[in-house]
Amino acid sequence: MPGGDMKVFNIILEYVPGGSIANLIQNFGAFEERTCVCYTRQILSGLEYLHNNKVVHRDIKGANILVTTNGCVKLTDFGHSTMLYSTLMTKELHSLKGDLLLANHPLTSCPCYF
C-alpha cells in the first residue's frame, strides 16, 4: 500500500482433526464410560492448570473442548475468560481475549490408558 502504513495481523490456529466433543457426540452418540473418564480427567487437569495461573475460562462447553485423533483434550475459545488479579474478597477480574490451546501442559497426559 502507498505510504507504507499497512499493518499485518496474523492469526495462527492449530488444526485439530478430531473435532469438538459436541461434534463427536452429535456424530457418534454417547461416549463409553472409559472415554468420559479420560476426557474428564484431562479437562479437570486443564482447569486446575488455568486456576493455578489465575485464569477463569467461563465458557466450558462441548464446542470449546477439542479432541485430537490421539485422544488429547484441548481447551479453546478464551474470549469470555478472565484473569483473577486480586483476593477473593474483591473479586477483581480482567478479561482475556483470543484463544489459548492447553495442550501438553505439565498436568495433562494423553492419550489415557487404563
C-alpha atoms as a PDB file:
ATOM      1  CA  MET A   1       0.000   0.000   0.000  1.00  0.00           C
ATOM      2  CA  PRO A   2       1.145   3.547  -0.626  1.00  0.00           C
ATOM      3  CA  GLY A   3       2.858   5.271   2.279  1.00  0.00           C
ATOM      4  CA  GLY A   4       3.988   2.049   3.960  1.00  0.00           C
ATOM      5  CA  ASP A   5       1.320   2.298   6.678  1.00  0.00           C
ATOM      6  CA  MET A   6      -0.015  -1.185   6.083  1.00  0.00           C
ATOM      7  CA  LYS A   7      -0.054  -3.329   9.219  1.00  0.00           C
ATOM      8  CA  VAL A   8      -0.252  -7.097   9.085  1.00  0.00           C
ATOM      9  CA  PHE A   9      -2.008  -9.111  11.757  1.00  0.00           C
ATOM     10  CA  ASN A  10      -1.554 -12.871  11.598  1.00  0.00           C
ATOM     11  CA  ILE A  11      -3.710 -15.384  13.416  1.00  0.00           C
ATOM     12  CA  ILE A  12      -2.222 -18.833  13.747  1.00  0.00           C
ATOM     13  CA  LEU A  13      -4.519 -21.702  14.638  1.00  0.00           C
ATOM     14  CA  GLU A  14      -3.778 -25.341  15.216  1.00  0.00           C
ATOM     15  CA  TYR A  15      -5.857 -27.762  13.174  1.00  0.00           C
ATOM     16  CA  VAL A  16      -7.402 -30.400  15.433  1.00  0.00           C
ATOM     17  CA  PRO A  17      -8.819 -33.099  13.142  1.00  0.00           C
ATOM     18  CA  GLY A  18     -10.726 -34.920  15.901  1.00  0.00           C
ATOM     19  CA  GLY A  19     -13.159 -32.025  16.288  1.00  0.00           C
ATOM     20  CA  SER A  20     -15.038 -30.900  19.364  1.00  0.00           C
ATOM     21  CA  ILE A  21     -16.650 -33.087  21.990  1.00  0.00           C
ATOM     22  CA  ALA A  22     -20.011 -31.637  20.933  1.00  0.00           C
ATOM     23  CA  ASN A  23     -19.473 -32.736  17.313  1.00  0.00           C
ATOM     24  CA  LEU A  24     -18.248 -36.184  18.342  1.00  0.00           C
ATOM     25  CA  ILE A  25     -21.361 -36.778  20.459  1.00  0.00           C
ATOM     26  CA  GLN A  26     -23.613 -35.446  17.697  1.00  0.00           C
ATOM     27  CA  ASN A  27     -21.999 -37.662  15.048  1.00  0.00           C
ATOM     28  CA  PHE A  28     -21.336 -40.847  17.036  1.00  0.00           C
ATOM     29  CA  GLY A  29     -23.614 -40.740  20.085  1.00  0.00           C
ATOM     30  CA  ALA A  30     -22.786 -41.051  23.766  1.00  0.00           C
ATOM     31  CA  PHE A  31     -19.245 -41.913  24.852  1.00  0.00           C
ATOM     32  CA  GLU A  32     -18.364 -45.078  26.703  1.00  0.00           C
ATOM     33  CA  GLU A  33     -17.638 -44.592  30.399  1.00  0.00           C
ATOM     34  CA  ARG A  34     -13.884 -45.082  29.872  1.00  0.00           C
ATOM     35  CA  THR A  35     -13.831 -42.303  27.290  1.00  0.00           C
ATOM     36  CA  CYS A  36     -15.798 -39.970  29.590  1.00  0.00           C
ATOM     37  CA  VAL A  37     -13.344 -40.639  32.410  1.00  0.00           C
ATOM     38  CA  CYS A  38     -10.370 -39.995  30.143  1.00  0.00           C
ATOM     39  CA  TYR A  39     -11.734 -36.705  28.787  1.00  0.00           C
ATOM     40  CA  THR A  40     -12.971 -35.547  32.199  1.00  0.00           C
ATOM     41  CA  ARG A  41      -9.554 -36.121  33.785  1.00  0.00           C
ATOM     42  CA  GLN A  42      -7.883 -34.052  31.087  1.00  0.00           C
ATOM     43  CA  ILE A  43     -10.492 -31.264  31.254  1.00  0.00           C
ATOM     44  CA  LEU A  44     -10.185 -31.030  35.039  1.00  0.00           C
ATOM     45  CA  SER A  45      -6.410 -31.091  34.783  1.00  0.00           C
ATOM     46  CA  GLY A  46      -6.535 -28.215  32.297  1.00  0.00           C
ATOM     47  CA  LEU A  47      -8.907 -26.242  34.528  1.00  0.00           C
ATOM     48  CA  GLU A  48      -6.652 -26.859  37.508  1.00  0.00           C
ATOM     49  CA  TYR A  49      -3.730 -25.509  35.489  1.00  0.00           C
ATOM     50  CA  LEU A  50      -5.736 -22.422  34.499  1.00  0.00           C
ATOM     51  CA  HIS A  51      -6.953 -21.760  38.037  1.00  0.00           C
ATOM     52  CA  ASN A  52      -3.448 -22.167  39.454  1.00  0.00           C
ATOM     53  CA  ASN A  53      -2.430 -19.441  36.988  1.00  0.00           C
ATOM     54  CA  LYS A  54      -5.393 -17.240  37.989  1.00  0.00           C
ATOM     55  CA  VAL A  55      -7.314 -17.730  34.734  1.00  0.00           C
ATOM     56  CA  VAL A  56     -11.072 -18.375  34.801  1.00  0.00           C
ATOM     57  CA  HIS A  57     -12.358 -19.784  31.470  1.00  0.00           C
ATOM     58  CA  ARG A  58     -16.104 -19.032  31.973  1.00  0.00           C
ATOM     59  CA  ASP A  59     -17.270 -20.829  28.795  1.00  0.00           C
ATOM     60  CA  ILE A  60     -16.608 -24.535  29.221  1.00  0.00           C
ATOM     61  CA  LYS A  61     -18.885 -26.459  26.865  1.00  0.00           C
ATOM     62  CA  GLY A  62     -18.563 -29.288  24.368  1.00  0.00           C
ATOM     63  CA  ALA A  63     -17.957 -26.936  21.436  1.00  0.00           C
ATOM     64  CA  ASN A  64     -14.930 -25.415  23.233  1.00  0.00           C
ATOM     65  CA  ILE A  65     -13.263 -28.730  24.023  1.00  0.00           C
ATOM     66  CA  LEU A  66     -11.363 -30.203  21.098  1.00  0.00           C
ATOM     67  CA  VAL A  67     -10.081 -33.774  20.929  1.00  0.00           C
ATOM     68  CA  THR A  68      -7.088 -34.827  18.847  1.00  0.00           C
ATOM     69  CA  THR A  69      -7.001 -38.118  16.981  1.00  0.00           C
ATOM     70  CA  ASN A  70      -4.799 -39.406  19.851  1.00  0.00           C
ATOM     71  CA  GLY A  71      -7.479 -38.601  22.430  1.00  0.00           C
ATOM     72  CA  CYS A  72      -5.788 -35.476  23.842  1.00  0.00           C
ATOM     73  CA  VAL A  73      -8.193 -32.790  25.021  1.00  0.00           C
ATOM     74  CA  LYS A  74      -7.548 -29.137  24.216  1.00  0.00           C
ATOM     75  CA  LEU A  75      -9.470 -26.301  25.831  1.00  0.00           C
ATOM     76  CA  THR A  76     -10.178 -23.452  23.410  1.00  0.00           C
ATOM     77  CA  ASP A  77     -12.051 -20.177  22.996  1.00  0.00           C
ATOM     78  CA  PHE A  78     -10.871 -17.959  25.794  1.00  0.00           C
ATOM     79  CA  GLY A  79     -12.949 -14.999  24.603  1.00  0.00           C
ATOM     80  CA  HIS A  80     -15.043 -14.969  27.801  1.00  0.00           C
ATOM     81  CA  SER A  81     -12.195 -15.811  30.158  1.00  0.00           C
ATOM     82  CA  THR A  82     -10.908 -13.539  32.866  1.00  0.00           C
ATOM     83  CA  MET A  83      -7.727 -13.152  34.844  1.00  0.00           C
ATOM     84  CA  LEU A  84      -8.034 -13.005  38.608  1.00  0.00           C
ATOM     85  CA  TYR A  85      -5.709 -10.278  39.889  1.00  0.00           C
ATOM     86  CA  SER A  86      -6.775  -9.816  43.475  1.00  0.00           C
ATOM     87  CA  THR A  87      -8.081 -11.648  46.509  1.00  0.00           C
ATOM     88  CA  LEU A  88     -11.389 -13.427  46.749  1.00  0.00           C
ATOM     89  CA  MET A  89     -12.678 -10.513  48.829  1.00  0.00           C
ATOM     90  CA  THR A  90     -12.687  -8.016  45.945  1.00  0.00           C
ATOM     91  CA  LYS A  91     -13.030 -10.481  43.018  1.00  0.00           C
ATOM     92  CA  GLU A  92     -11.459  -8.019  40.594  1.00  0.00           C
ATOM     93  CA  LEU A  93     -11.456  -9.696  37.162  1.00  0.00           C
ATOM     94  CA  HIS A  94      -9.840  -8.610  33.907  1.00  0.00           C
ATOM     95  CA  SER A  95     -10.901 -10.048  30.549  1.00  0.00           C
ATOM     96  CA  LEU A  96      -8.584 -12.009  28.289  1.00  0.00           C
ATOM     97  CA  LYS A  97      -9.094 -12.109  24.545  1.00  0.00           C
ATOM     98  CA  GLY A  98      -8.332 -14.736  21.945  1.00  0.00           C
ATOM     99  CA  ASP A  99      -7.773 -18.472  22.014  1.00  0.00           C
ATOM    100  CA  LEU A 100      -5.335 -20.487  24.053  1.00  0.00           C
ATOM    101  CA  LEU A 101      -4.809 -24.177  23.468  1.00  0.00           C
ATOM    102  CA  LEU A 102      -3.969 -26.020  26.641  1.00  0.00           C
ATOM    103  CA  ALA A 103      -2.192 -28.979  25.206  1.00  0.00           C
ATOM    104  CA  ASN A 104       0.903 -30.576  26.598  1.00  0.00           C
ATOM    105  CA  HIS A 105       0.910 -28.583  29.817  1.00  0.00           C
ATOM    106  CA  PRO A 106       2.647 -30.458  32.636  1.00  0.00           C
ATOM    107  CA  LEU A 107      -0.557 -31.831  34.158  1.00  0.00           C
ATOM    108  CA  THR A 108      -2.017 -33.361  31.004  1.00  0.00           C
ATOM    109  CA  SER A 109      -1.001 -36.801  29.879  1.00  0.00           C
ATOM    110  CA  CYS A 110      -2.688 -38.213  26.833  1.00  0.00           C
ATOM    111  CA  PRO A 111      -3.954 -40.439  25.467  1.00  0.00           C
ATOM    112  CA  CYS A 112      -5.457 -42.036  28.543  1.00  0.00           C
ATOM    113  CA  TYR A 113      -4.608 -45.656  29.186  1.00  0.00           C
ATOM    114  CA  PHE A 114      -6.307 -47.763  31.800  1.00  0.00           C
END
